[in-house]
Amino acid sequence: MDISEIIKELMIPIVVVGCFVVGYIVKKFMPNDNKWIPLIVTVLGVALACWIEMKITPEVVVAGAVSGLASTGVHQFAKEVLGLDGTKRVEK
């Protein structure tokens, strides 16, 4: 089993979406201090996963953390690859 299969097993899509939305809101209201966003979405991801699964086990905690951190990856993908950050790029 490779790493991509493990990540696919652990990600909870609704947690990724919820953390993405919260991370985006935090970024817009705290634009000068973005270093806390990964920590915020990780903790939120763990809390949401535990709430959804109605149990606290190491697997659920890891799945929540992976899902929360995946939301930052989704944001970076949308920003860098798709160019959805709202800024215009100057080609050299």
C-alpha atoms as a PDB file:
ATOM      1  CA  MET A   1       0.000   0.000   0.000  1.00  0.00           C
ATOM      2  CA  ASP A   2       1.505   3.322  -1.009  1.00  0.00           C
ATOM      3  CA  ILE A   3       1.062   6.728   0.617  1.00  0.00           C
ATOM      4  CA  SER A   4      -1.651   7.922  -1.788  1.00  0.00           C
ATOM      5  CA  GLU A   5      -3.901   4.983  -0.875  1.00  0.00           C
ATOM      6  CA  ILE A   6      -3.387   5.645   2.825  1.00  0.00           C
ATOM      7  CA  ILE A   7      -4.300   9.310   2.401  1.00  0.00           C
ATOM      8  CA  LYS A   8      -7.404   8.432   0.356  1.00  0.00           C
ATOM      9  CA  GLU A   9      -8.510   6.087   3.136  1.00  0.00           C
ATOM     10  CA  LEU A  10      -8.010   8.696   5.836  1.00  0.00           C
ATOM     11  CA  MET A  11      -9.561  11.769   4.241  1.00  0.00           C
ATOM     12  CA  ILE A  12     -13.121  12.674   5.195  1.00  0.00           C
ATOM     13  CA  PRO A  13     -14.508  14.933   2.427  1.00  0.00           C
ATOM     14  CA  ILE A  14     -16.990  16.860   4.598  1.00  0.00           C
ATOM     15  CA  VAL A  15     -14.222  17.648   7.083  1.00  0.00           C
ATOM     16  CA  VAL A  16     -11.964  18.856   4.253  1.00  0.00           C
ATOM     17  CA  VAL A  17     -14.698  21.188   3.011  1.00  0.00           C
ATOM     18  CA  GLY A  18     -15.539  22.474   6.493  1.00  0.00           C
ATOM     19  CA  CYS A  19     -11.893  23.152   7.302  1.00  0.00           C
ATOM     20  CA  PHE A  20     -11.373  24.804   3.922  1.00  0.00           C
ATOM     21  CA  VAL A  21     -14.227  27.224   4.570  1.00  0.00           C
ATOM     22  CA  VAL A  22     -13.039  28.052   8.096  1.00  0.00           C
ATOM     23  CA  GLY A  23      -9.443  28.457   6.884  1.00  0.00           C
ATOM     24  CA  TYR A  24     -10.585  30.790   4.118  1.00  0.00           C
ATOM     25  CA  ILE A  25     -12.591  32.902   6.578  1.00  0.00           C
ATOM     26  CA  VAL A  26      -9.665  33.080   9.006  1.00  0.00           C
ATOM     27  CA  LYS A  27      -7.375  34.124   6.163  1.00  0.00           C
ATOM     28  CA  LYS A  28      -9.703  36.940   5.141  1.00  0.00           C
ATOM     29  CA  PHE A  29     -10.196  38.273   8.697  1.00  0.00           C
ATOM     30  CA  MET A  30      -6.581  37.782   9.899  1.00  0.00           C
ATOM     31  CA  PRO A  31      -4.591  38.583   6.743  1.00  0.00           C
ATOM     32  CA  ASN A  32      -1.350  39.435   8.561  1.00  0.00           C
ATOM     33  CA  ASP A  33      -0.977  36.230  10.571  1.00  0.00           C
ATOM     34  CA  ASN A  34      -1.570  33.268   8.259  1.00  0.00           C
ATOM     35  CA  LYS A  35       0.918  31.017  10.048  1.00  0.00           C
ATOM     36  CA  TRP A  36      -1.810  29.812  12.434  1.00  0.00           C
ATOM     37  CA  ILE A  37      -4.212  28.574   9.759  1.00  0.00           C
ATOM     38  CA  PRO A  38      -2.722  25.038   9.429  1.00  0.00           C
ATOM     39  CA  LEU A  39      -2.908  24.580  13.209  1.00  0.00           C
ATOM     40  CA  ILE A  40      -6.477  25.889  13.343  1.00  0.00           C
ATOM     41  CA  VAL A  41      -7.731  23.628  10.551  1.00  0.00           C
ATOM     42  CA  THR A  42      -5.882  20.605  11.969  1.00  0.00           C
ATOM     43  CA  VAL A  43      -7.514  21.002  15.384  1.00  0.00           C
ATOM     44  CA  LEU A  44     -10.870  21.701  13.745  1.00  0.00           C
ATOM     45  CA  GLY A  45     -10.462  18.644  11.515  1.00  0.00           C
ATOM     46  CA  VAL A  46      -9.826  16.410  14.532  1.00  0.00           C
ATOM     47  CA  ALA A  47     -12.825  17.873  16.371  1.00  0.00           C
ATOM     48  CA  LEU A  48     -15.136  17.473  13.361  1.00  0.00           C
ATOM     49  CA  ALA A  49     -13.968  13.920  12.661  1.00  0.00           C
ATOM     50  CA  CYS A  50     -14.527  12.908  16.299  1.00  0.00           C
ATOM     51  CA  TRP A  51     -17.960  14.544  16.232  1.00  0.00           C
ATOM     52  CA  ILE A  52     -18.947  12.868  12.945  1.00  0.00           C
ATOM     53  CA  GLU A  53     -17.708   9.430  14.014  1.00  0.00           C
ATOM     54  CA  MET A  54     -19.005   9.868  17.592  1.00  0.00           C
ATOM     55  CA  LYS A  55     -15.839   8.304  19.000  1.00  0.00           C
ATOM     56  CA  ILE A  56     -12.263   9.196  19.752  1.00  0.00           C
ATOM     57  CA  THR A  57      -9.789   6.652  18.464  1.00  0.00           C
ATOM     58  CA  PRO A  58      -6.305   7.101  17.029  1.00  0.00           C
ATOM     59  CA  GLU A  59      -7.655   6.385  13.541  1.00  0.00           C
ATOM     60  CA  VAL A  60     -10.341   9.048  13.823  1.00  0.00           C
ATOM     61  CA  VAL A  61      -7.880  11.606  15.225  1.00  0.00           C
ATOM     62  CA  VAL A  62      -5.399  10.960  12.401  1.00  0.00           C
ATOM     63  CA  ALA A  63      -8.170  11.053   9.784  1.00  0.00           C
ATOM     64  CA  GLY A  64      -9.342  14.404  11.131  1.00  0.00           C
ATOM     65  CA  ALA A  65      -5.829  15.825  11.164  1.00  0.00           C
ATOM     66  CA  VAL A  66      -5.139  14.608   7.618  1.00  0.00           C
ATOM     67  CA  SER A  67      -8.458  16.031   6.426  1.00  0.00           C
ATOM     68  CA  GLY A  68      -7.799  19.379   8.098  1.00  0.00           C
ATOM     69  CA  LEU A  69      -4.337  19.661   6.607  1.00  0.00           C
ATOM     70  CA  ALA A  70      -5.670  18.540   3.220  1.00  0.00           C
ATOM     71  CA  SER A  71      -7.860  21.638   3.211  1.00  0.00           C
ATOM     72  CA  THR A  72      -4.725  23.812   3.193  1.00  0.00           C
ATOM     73  CA  GLY A  73      -3.467  21.751   0.271  1.00  0.00           C
ATOM     74  CA  VAL A  74      -6.732  22.276  -1.583  1.00  0.00           C
ATOM     75  CA  HIS A  75      -6.426  26.025  -1.012  1.00  0.00           C
ATOM     76  CA  GLN A  76      -2.839  26.105  -2.282  1.00  0.00           C
ATOM     77  CA  PHE A  77      -3.802  24.021  -5.314  1.00  0.00           C
ATOM     78  CA  ALA A  78      -6.655  26.399  -6.151  1.00  0.00           C
ATOM     79  CA  LYS A  79      -4.422  29.402  -5.622  1.00  0.00           C
ATOM     80  CA  GLU A  80      -1.277  28.294  -7.441  1.00  0.00           C
ATOM     81  CA  VAL A  81      -2.374  25.855 -10.118  1.00  0.00           C
ATOM     82  CA  LEU A  82      -5.837  27.120 -10.971  1.00  0.00           C
ATOM     83  CA  GLY A  83      -5.085  30.793 -10.335  1.00  0.00           C
ATOM     84  CA  LEU A  84      -8.180  31.364  -8.211  1.00  0.00           C
ATOM     85  CA  ASP A  85      -6.580  33.774  -5.742  1.00  0.00           C
ATOM     86  CA  GLY A  86      -7.961  36.850  -7.471  1.00  0.00           C
ATOM     87  CA  THR A  87      -4.601  38.349  -8.411  1.00  0.00           C
ATOM     88  CA  LYS A  88      -3.367  38.831 -11.915  1.00  0.00           C
ATOM     89  CA  ARG A  89      -0.071  37.232 -12.823  1.00  0.00           C
ATOM     90  CA  VAL A  90       2.487  39.022 -14.937  1.00  0.00           C
ATOM     91  CA  GLU A  91       4.186  36.722 -17.394  1.00  0.00           C
ATOM     92  CA  LYS A  92       7.838  37.487 -18.075  1.00  0.00           C
END
